[in-house]
Protein backbone atom coordinates (compact mmCIF):
# COMPACT_ATOMS: atom_id res chain seq x y z
CA MET A 1 -15.66 -2.79 -16.91
CA ALA A 2 -16.45 -0.39 -14.06
CA LEU A 3 -13.10 -1.02 -12.35
CA LEU A 4 -11.21 -0.17 -15.53
CA GLN A 5 -13.20 3.03 -16.00
CA ARG A 6 -12.28 4.11 -12.47
CA ALA A 7 -8.62 3.47 -13.15
CA GLN A 8 -8.71 5.40 -16.40
CA ARG A 9 -10.23 8.40 -14.60
CA SER A 10 -7.18 8.44 -12.34
CA THR A 11 -4.80 11.09 -13.67
CA GLY A 12 -1.30 10.26 -14.77
CA THR A 13 0.77 7.10 -14.75
CA ALA A 14 4.30 6.50 -13.58
CA ASP A 15 7.17 7.02 -15.97
CA ASP A 16 9.44 4.68 -14.05
CA PRO A 17 9.21 0.94 -14.72
CA ALA A 18 6.83 -1.10 -12.60
CA ALA A 19 9.42 -3.84 -12.66
CA PRO A 20 11.18 -4.75 -9.46
CA SER A 21 14.64 -3.34 -9.49
CA SER A 22 17.95 -4.38 -8.07
CA PRO A 23 19.59 -1.01 -7.38
CA GLY A 24 23.17 -0.82 -6.25
CA HIS A 25 23.62 -0.46 -2.50
CA GLU A 26 26.62 1.31 -1.10
CA GLY A 27 27.56 1.58 2.53
CA ALA A 28 24.60 -0.50 3.74
CA ASP A 29 26.51 -1.57 6.81
CA ASP A 30 27.12 2.07 7.78
CA GLY A 31 23.46 2.66 8.60
CA ILE A 32 22.64 5.11 5.82
CA THR A 33 22.51 4.08 2.19
CA VAL A 34 22.74 6.82 -0.42
CA VAL A 35 21.85 6.22 -4.06
CA ALA A 36 21.71 8.35 -7.16
CA PRO A 37 18.49 10.34 -7.81
CA GLY A 38 15.74 8.02 -9.01
CA PRO A 39 12.59 6.51 -7.53
CA LEU A 40 11.27 8.02 -4.32
CA VAL A 41 11.11 4.54 -2.77
CA SER A 42 12.96 1.41 -3.82
CA VAL A 43 12.19 -1.88 -2.09
CA ASP A 44 14.72 -4.53 -3.03
CA ASP A 45 14.37 -8.23 -2.11
CA LEU A 46 12.74 -7.47 1.25
CA HIS A 47 12.27 -10.38 3.67
CA VAL A 48 10.53 -9.86 7.03
CA THR A 49 10.24 -12.86 9.35
CA PHE A 50 8.64 -12.89 12.80
CA ARG A 51 9.21 -15.57 15.43
CA ARG A 52 5.91 -16.74 16.93
CA ASN A 53 5.31 -19.73 19.19
CA GLY A 54 8.58 -21.28 18.08
CA GLU A 55 7.77 -20.90 14.38
CA ASP A 56 9.04 -18.54 11.71
CA VAL A 57 6.23 -16.44 10.21
CA ARG A 58 7.46 -15.17 6.86
CA ALA A 59 5.42 -12.00 6.47
CA LEU A 60 7.33 -10.78 3.41
CA ARG A 61 9.39 -12.97 1.09
CA GLY A 62 11.56 -11.21 -1.45
CA VAL A 63 9.36 -8.21 -2.21
CA SER A 64 10.79 -5.77 -4.76
CA LEU A 65 9.09 -2.71 -6.18
CA GLU A 66 9.54 1.01 -6.80
CA ILE A 67 7.42 4.09 -6.13
CA SER A 68 7.86 7.04 -8.44
CA ARG A 69 7.55 10.66 -7.42
CA GLY A 70 4.01 11.97 -7.70
CA GLU A 71 2.28 8.62 -8.21
CA ILE A 72 -0.30 6.66 -6.24
CA LEU A 73 0.56 2.99 -5.77
CA GLY A 74 -2.26 0.73 -4.62
CA ILE A 75 -1.12 -2.30 -2.59
CA VAL A 76 -3.89 -4.90 -2.57
CA GLY A 77 -4.31 -8.24 -0.83
CA GLU A 78 -6.27 -10.24 1.71
CA SER A 79 -5.52 -10.07 5.41
CA GLY A 80 -2.16 -11.70 6.05
CA SER A 81 -0.76 -10.98 2.59
CA GLY A 82 1.95 -8.70 4.01
CA LYS A 83 0.69 -5.34 2.76
CA SER A 84 0.64 -3.59 6.16
CA VAL A 85 4.07 -4.99 7.05
CA LEU A 86 5.35 -3.55 3.77
CA GLY A 87 3.93 -0.14 4.66
CA LEU A 88 5.46 -0.25 8.15
CA SER A 89 8.80 -1.23 6.60
CA MET A 90 8.73 1.92 4.47
CA LEU A 91 7.98 3.97 7.58
CA GLY A 92 10.73 2.26 9.59
CA LEU A 93 8.12 1.36 12.21
CA LEU A 94 8.17 -2.43 12.27
CA PRO A 95 7.21 -3.83 15.69
CA THR A 96 10.04 -4.66 18.09
CA ASN A 97 8.24 -7.25 20.22
CA PRO A 98 9.06 -9.64 18.77
CA THR A 99 11.86 -8.10 16.73
CA PRO A 100 11.67 -9.44 13.16
CA THR A 101 14.54 -10.82 11.13
CA LEU A 102 15.14 -8.49 8.19
CA GLU A 103 16.86 -8.96 4.85
CA GLY A 104 16.99 -6.70 1.82
CA HIS A 105 16.65 -2.93 1.52
CA VAL A 106 13.93 -0.28 1.75
CA LEU A 107 15.32 3.00 0.40
CA VAL A 108 13.31 6.17 1.03
CA GLU A 109 14.94 9.28 -0.41
CA GLY A 110 18.20 7.31 -0.43
CA VAL A 111 18.04 6.21 3.23
CA ASP A 112 17.68 2.52 4.05
CA MET A 113 14.76 2.40 6.51
CA ILE A 114 15.63 -1.05 7.84
CA ARG A 115 19.38 -0.51 8.29
CA ALA A 116 19.69 3.16 9.21
CA ALA A 117 20.14 4.29 12.81
CA ALA A 118 16.97 5.14 14.74
CA GLY A 119 17.75 8.87 14.61
CA ASP A 120 18.16 8.79 10.84
CA ARG A 121 14.86 6.94 10.44
CA ARG A 122 13.14 9.59 12.58
CA ARG A 123 14.62 12.32 10.41
CA VAL A 124 13.29 10.68 7.25
CA ARG A 125 9.84 10.28 8.82
CA ARG A 126 9.87 13.93 9.91
CA ASP A 127 11.10 15.38 6.62
CA HIS A 128 9.68 13.05 3.98
CA LEU A 129 6.94 10.73 5.27
CA GLY A 130 3.35 10.92 6.44
CA ALA A 131 0.99 8.17 7.55
CA VAL A 132 -2.78 7.66 7.68
CA PHE A 133 -3.56 4.66 9.85
CA GLN A 134 -6.59 2.40 9.62
CA ASP A 135 -8.46 3.50 12.75
CA PRO A 136 -8.24 7.22 13.57
CA MET A 137 -9.74 6.67 17.02
CA THR A 138 -6.69 4.65 18.05
CA SER A 139 -4.26 7.05 16.33
CA LEU A 140 -5.59 10.38 17.60
CA ASN A 141 -5.10 11.36 21.25
CA PRO A 142 -8.58 11.26 22.83
CA THR A 143 -7.57 13.73 25.58
CA MET A 144 -6.38 16.51 23.23
CA ARG A 145 -8.40 18.81 21.04
CA VAL A 146 -7.95 18.30 17.32
CA GLY A 147 -6.42 21.74 16.80
CA ARG A 148 -3.68 21.15 19.35
CA GLN A 149 -2.74 17.81 17.82
CA ILE A 150 -2.40 19.30 14.35
CA SER A 151 -0.61 22.41 15.64
CA GLU A 152 2.09 20.26 17.23
CA VAL A 153 3.01 19.07 13.74
CA ALA A 154 2.08 22.12 11.68
CA GLY A 155 3.68 24.66 14.01
CA SER A 156 0.76 27.00 14.64
CA SER A 157 -2.99 27.10 15.06
CA ASP A 158 -3.30 29.20 11.89
CA GLU A 159 -1.56 26.47 9.91
CA ALA A 160 -3.76 23.85 11.58
CA LEU A 161 -6.82 25.83 10.48
CA ARG A 162 -5.50 26.02 6.93
CA LEU A 163 -4.89 22.26 6.84
CA LEU A 164 -8.39 21.42 8.09
CA ASP A 165 -9.80 23.67 5.39
CA ALA A 166 -7.53 22.04 2.78
CA VAL A 167 -8.81 18.54 3.59
CA GLY A 168 -12.45 19.64 3.40
CA VAL A 169 -13.46 19.77 7.05
CA PRO A 170 -16.60 21.95 7.32
CA GLU A 171 -16.48 24.80 9.83
CA PRO A 172 -12.76 24.22 10.41
CA LYS A 173 -12.43 26.96 13.05
CA ARG A 174 -15.04 25.28 15.23
CA ARG A 175 -13.58 21.81 14.64
CA LEU A 176 -10.20 22.96 15.97
CA ARG A 177 -11.68 22.89 19.47
CA ALA A 178 -13.35 19.51 19.06
CA TYR A 179 -12.14 16.27 20.62
CA PRO A 180 -11.81 13.22 18.33
CA HIS A 181 -14.89 11.51 19.82
CA GLU A 182 -17.00 14.53 18.84
CA LEU A 183 -16.29 14.01 15.14
CA SER A 184 -17.76 11.54 12.69
CA GLY A 185 -15.63 8.75 11.23
CA GLY A 186 -15.19 10.65 7.97
CA LEU A 187 -14.11 13.85 9.74
CA ARG A 188 -11.66 11.95 11.94
CA GLN A 189 -10.09 10.45 8.85
CA ARG A 190 -9.78 13.92 7.32
CA VAL A 191 -8.03 15.06 10.51
CA MET A 192 -5.59 12.13 10.12
CA ILE A 193 -4.92 13.18 6.53
CA ALA A 194 -4.32 16.76 7.68
CA LEU A 195 -1.77 15.45 10.19
CA ALA A 196 -0.13 13.31 7.50
CA ILE A 197 0.41 16.24 5.11
CA ALA A 198 1.29 18.84 7.78
CA GLY A 199 5.01 18.28 7.30
CA GLU A 200 4.76 18.55 3.48
CA PRO A 201 5.95 14.96 2.99
CA SER A 202 7.25 13.39 -0.20
CA LEU A 203 5.27 10.21 0.51
CA VAL A 204 2.09 9.46 2.46
CA ILE A 205 1.33 5.84 3.37
CA ALA A 206 -2.41 5.33 3.89
CA ASP A 207 -3.31 1.98 5.50
CA GLU A 208 -6.97 1.14 4.81
CA PRO A 209 -8.00 4.83 4.97
CA SER A 210 -11.59 4.15 3.90
CA THR A 211 -12.35 1.12 6.08
CA ALA A 212 -15.55 1.39 8.18
CA LEU A 213 -16.73 4.44 6.20
CA ASP A 214 -19.97 4.41 4.22
CA VAL A 215 -19.69 4.38 0.46
CA THR A 216 -20.32 8.10 -0.04
CA VAL A 217 -17.74 9.18 2.55
CA GLN A 218 -15.31 6.56 1.22
CA ALA A 219 -15.53 8.09 -2.26
CA GLN A 220 -14.94 11.57 -0.81
CA ILE A 221 -11.83 10.44 1.09
CA LEU A 222 -10.38 8.73 -1.99
CA GLU A 223 -11.05 11.77 -4.14
CA LEU A 224 -9.34 13.91 -1.49
CA LEU A 225 -6.23 11.69 -1.63
CA ARG A 226 -6.14 11.97 -5.43
CA HIS A 227 -6.52 15.76 -5.21
CA LEU A 228 -3.78 16.10 -2.59
CA CYS A 229 -1.41 13.96 -4.65
CA ASP A 230 -1.85 16.33 -7.60
CA GLU A 231 -1.92 19.52 -5.52
CA LEU A 232 1.09 18.74 -3.32
CA SER A 233 3.08 16.74 -5.91
CA CYS A 234 3.63 14.00 -3.35
CA SER A 235 3.29 10.23 -3.68
CA PHE A 236 0.75 8.04 -1.93
CA VAL A 237 0.78 4.35 -1.04
CA LEU A 238 -2.79 3.13 -0.67
CA VAL A 239 -2.89 -0.11 1.34
CA THR A 240 -6.25 -1.87 0.97
CA HIS A 241 -7.92 -5.27 0.82
CA ASP A 242 -10.42 -3.89 -1.70
CA LEU A 243 -9.31 -3.90 -5.33
CA GLY A 244 -12.28 -1.68 -6.16
CA VAL A 245 -10.94 1.01 -3.83
CA ALA A 246 -7.46 0.83 -5.35
CA ALA A 247 -8.95 1.05 -8.85
CA GLN A 248 -10.53 4.42 -8.12
CA ILE A 249 -7.33 6.45 -7.68
CA SER A 250 -4.22 4.31 -8.21
CA ASP A 251 -1.75 4.92 -11.01
CA ARG A 252 -0.24 1.46 -10.46
CA ILE A 253 -1.40 -1.57 -8.51
CA ALA A 254 0.68 -4.22 -6.75
CA VAL A 255 -1.19 -7.37 -5.71
CA LEU A 256 0.34 -9.21 -2.75
CA TYR A 257 -0.30 -12.82 -1.80
CA GLY A 258 1.50 -15.00 0.72
CA GLY A 259 4.10 -12.32 1.42
CA ARG A 260 5.05 -11.90 -2.25
CA VAL A 261 4.15 -9.67 -5.16
CA ALA A 262 1.79 -11.74 -7.32
CA GLU A 263 1.27 -9.05 -9.95
CA VAL A 264 2.24 -5.41 -10.43
CA GLY A 265 1.63 -2.96 -13.23
CA VAL A 266 -0.18 0.12 -14.45
CA ALA A 267 -3.66 0.07 -12.93
CA ALA A 268 -5.54 -0.03 -16.23
CA ASP A 269 -3.43 -2.98 -17.44
CA VAL A 270 -3.86 -4.97 -14.22
CA LEU A 271 -7.64 -4.45 -14.30
CA GLU A 272 -8.17 -4.98 -18.04
CA ARG A 273 -5.64 -7.80 -18.49
CA PRO A 274 -5.14 -9.42 -15.07
CA SER A 275 -2.22 -11.83 -15.36
CA HIS A 276 -2.42 -13.83 -12.15
CA PRO A 277 -5.27 -16.17 -11.06
CA TYR A 278 -5.46 -14.40 -7.71
CA THR A 279 -5.99 -10.99 -9.35
CA ILE A 280 -8.68 -12.50 -11.57
CA GLY A 281 -10.34 -13.96 -8.47
CA LEU A 282 -10.32 -10.57 -6.73
CA ILE A 283 -11.93 -8.90 -9.75
CA GLN A 284 -14.59 -11.58 -10.15
CA SER A 285 -15.55 -11.41 -6.47
CA ILE A 286 -16.38 -7.68 -6.60
CA PRO A 287 -20.11 -6.86 -6.92
CA SER A 288 -20.96 -5.06 -10.14
CA VAL A 289 -24.21 -3.88 -11.71
CA GLU A 290 -22.76 -4.87 -15.09
CA ARG A 291 -22.18 -8.52 -14.20
CA ARG A 292 -25.05 -10.99 -14.39
CA GLY A 293 -25.31 -14.10 -12.23
CA ARG A 294 -23.71 -14.99 -8.93
CA LEU A 295 -20.42 -13.68 -7.62
CA VAL A 296 -17.49 -16.05 -7.99
CA PRO A 297 -15.69 -16.41 -4.64
CA ILE A 298 -12.08 -17.48 -4.32
CA PRO A 299 -12.14 -20.99 -2.81
CA GLY A 300 -10.12 -21.90 0.26
CA SER A 301 -8.24 -19.65 2.68
CA PRO A 302 -5.04 -17.59 2.61
CA PRO A 303 -1.88 -19.60 3.36
CA ASP A 304 -0.38 -20.07 6.80
CA LEU A 305 2.78 -17.95 6.61
CA ALA A 306 4.43 -20.22 9.19
CA ALA A 307 3.93 -23.32 7.05
CA LEU A 308 4.69 -22.27 3.50
CA GLY A 309 6.01 -24.98 1.24
CA LYS A 310 7.70 -24.87 -2.14
CA GLY A 311 6.11 -23.37 -5.18
CA CYS A 312 3.27 -20.90 -5.68
CA PRO A 313 1.40 -20.17 -2.43
CA PHE A 314 -1.84 -19.69 -4.39
CA ALA A 315 -1.65 -23.15 -5.99
CA PRO A 316 -4.00 -24.86 -3.44
CA ARG A 317 -6.74 -22.36 -4.38
CA CYS A 318 -6.00 -22.13 -8.11
CA ALA A 319 -8.10 -23.88 -10.77
CA LEU A 320 -5.14 -23.86 -13.16
CA ALA A 321 -2.51 -25.27 -10.77
CA ALA A 322 -0.20 -27.91 -12.24
CA ALA A 323 2.69 -29.96 -10.90
CA GLU A 324 5.18 -27.34 -12.08
CA CYS A 325 3.50 -24.74 -9.83
CA LEU A 326 4.58 -26.71 -6.74
CA ALA A 327 8.05 -27.68 -7.92
CA GLY A 328 9.93 -24.56 -6.82
CA ASP A 329 9.91 -20.79 -6.54
CA VAL A 330 7.96 -18.99 -9.24
CA PRO A 331 9.77 -15.92 -10.66
CA LEU A 332 8.19 -12.56 -11.36
CA VAL A 333 8.25 -12.18 -15.16
CA ALA A 334 7.21 -9.48 -17.61
CA VAL A 335 3.84 -10.06 -19.29
CA GLY A 336 3.71 -6.66 -20.97
CA PRO A 337 5.18 -3.15 -20.82
CA ASP A 338 5.50 -2.24 -17.13
CA HIS A 339 3.38 -5.29 -16.24
CA TRP A 340 4.74 -8.24 -14.23
CA SER A 341 3.25 -11.48 -12.93
CA ARG A 342 4.38 -14.38 -10.75
CA CYS A 343 2.54 -17.17 -12.58
CA LEU A 344 3.71 -20.11 -14.68
CA ARG A 345 0.29 -20.55 -16.30
CA VAL A 346 -0.11 -17.11 -17.85
CA ASP A 347 -0.86 -18.62 -21.26
CA HIS A 348 -3.90 -20.41 -19.79
CA LEU A 349 -5.48 -17.47 -17.96
CA ALA A 350 -8.12 -16.94 -20.66
CA GLU A 351 -9.94 -19.93 -19.15
CA LEU A 352 -10.41 -17.97 -15.92
CA ARG A 353 -11.05 -14.52 -17.36
CA GLY A 354 -14.18 -15.81 -19.06
């Protein structure tokens, strides 16, 4: 399988368990939560609920996962699955209008990014975090030259020049004086990556970094992220709706659906032995020169997060759904070493894998 081959070309896998953890939390009410050395990021039972038009929109519902130092975690799901909200939670940048209701913990380098004071969250972002947002044209200042924007973070124009060269921008000295609109989409995204790594972060969160780029440039950007992860010994979170993109560079993959983790594990395991009907549907809907016949789309639409009922949110779209799937919450259970799935019909998945 082409997806599996891409995943196997990705270097290194995490030593820490892919399983959701329930780390001890001390002093959570004091703003800053300090834990013993361990995972770079620990998300524990995170709930994020927005109030919209008099209804509660449950963007995240009990998400738990860990990110190890030096790994790339791919977070995959359709629009509305909660993946961008999860990334913003790690950055401590959730929107404030409306202000969401928050439960659980998001620990980054021992600091709880949903309970810490605003100043402490800014310090963590400055010292440990970088971000690459989906559309560089709305993230870069259109009135400032690229060099000045990078220099504000990097500290000097010489460092800005070095960063542009490091991320593969051709003629970096000339590009320093360019405005964002004078650059191609691929070059703008490289500038965003240069900004993200300027502070030598421990973690970079990249939200759809290859969207709207042609296939060749997309591959170059993904290869750059993989190279930077190895070169800088930092971690990356790759947020994407495209499982094929995540397969190219991710060490582990977490599949989100309806605000919950549907499946998480080492990338090669998730792609070779998908253990949730939604993951199987994503794989089967990806075009491949190796697969004969028509693509198999996932029927139906993603769930309305303001009208979620009991049971598995994927059940209305699932060919294997049974009465038990709608009876109550479905737990996340181990289906292999460092491989977890939220499905009661795991033993029947061979019917879907084909």
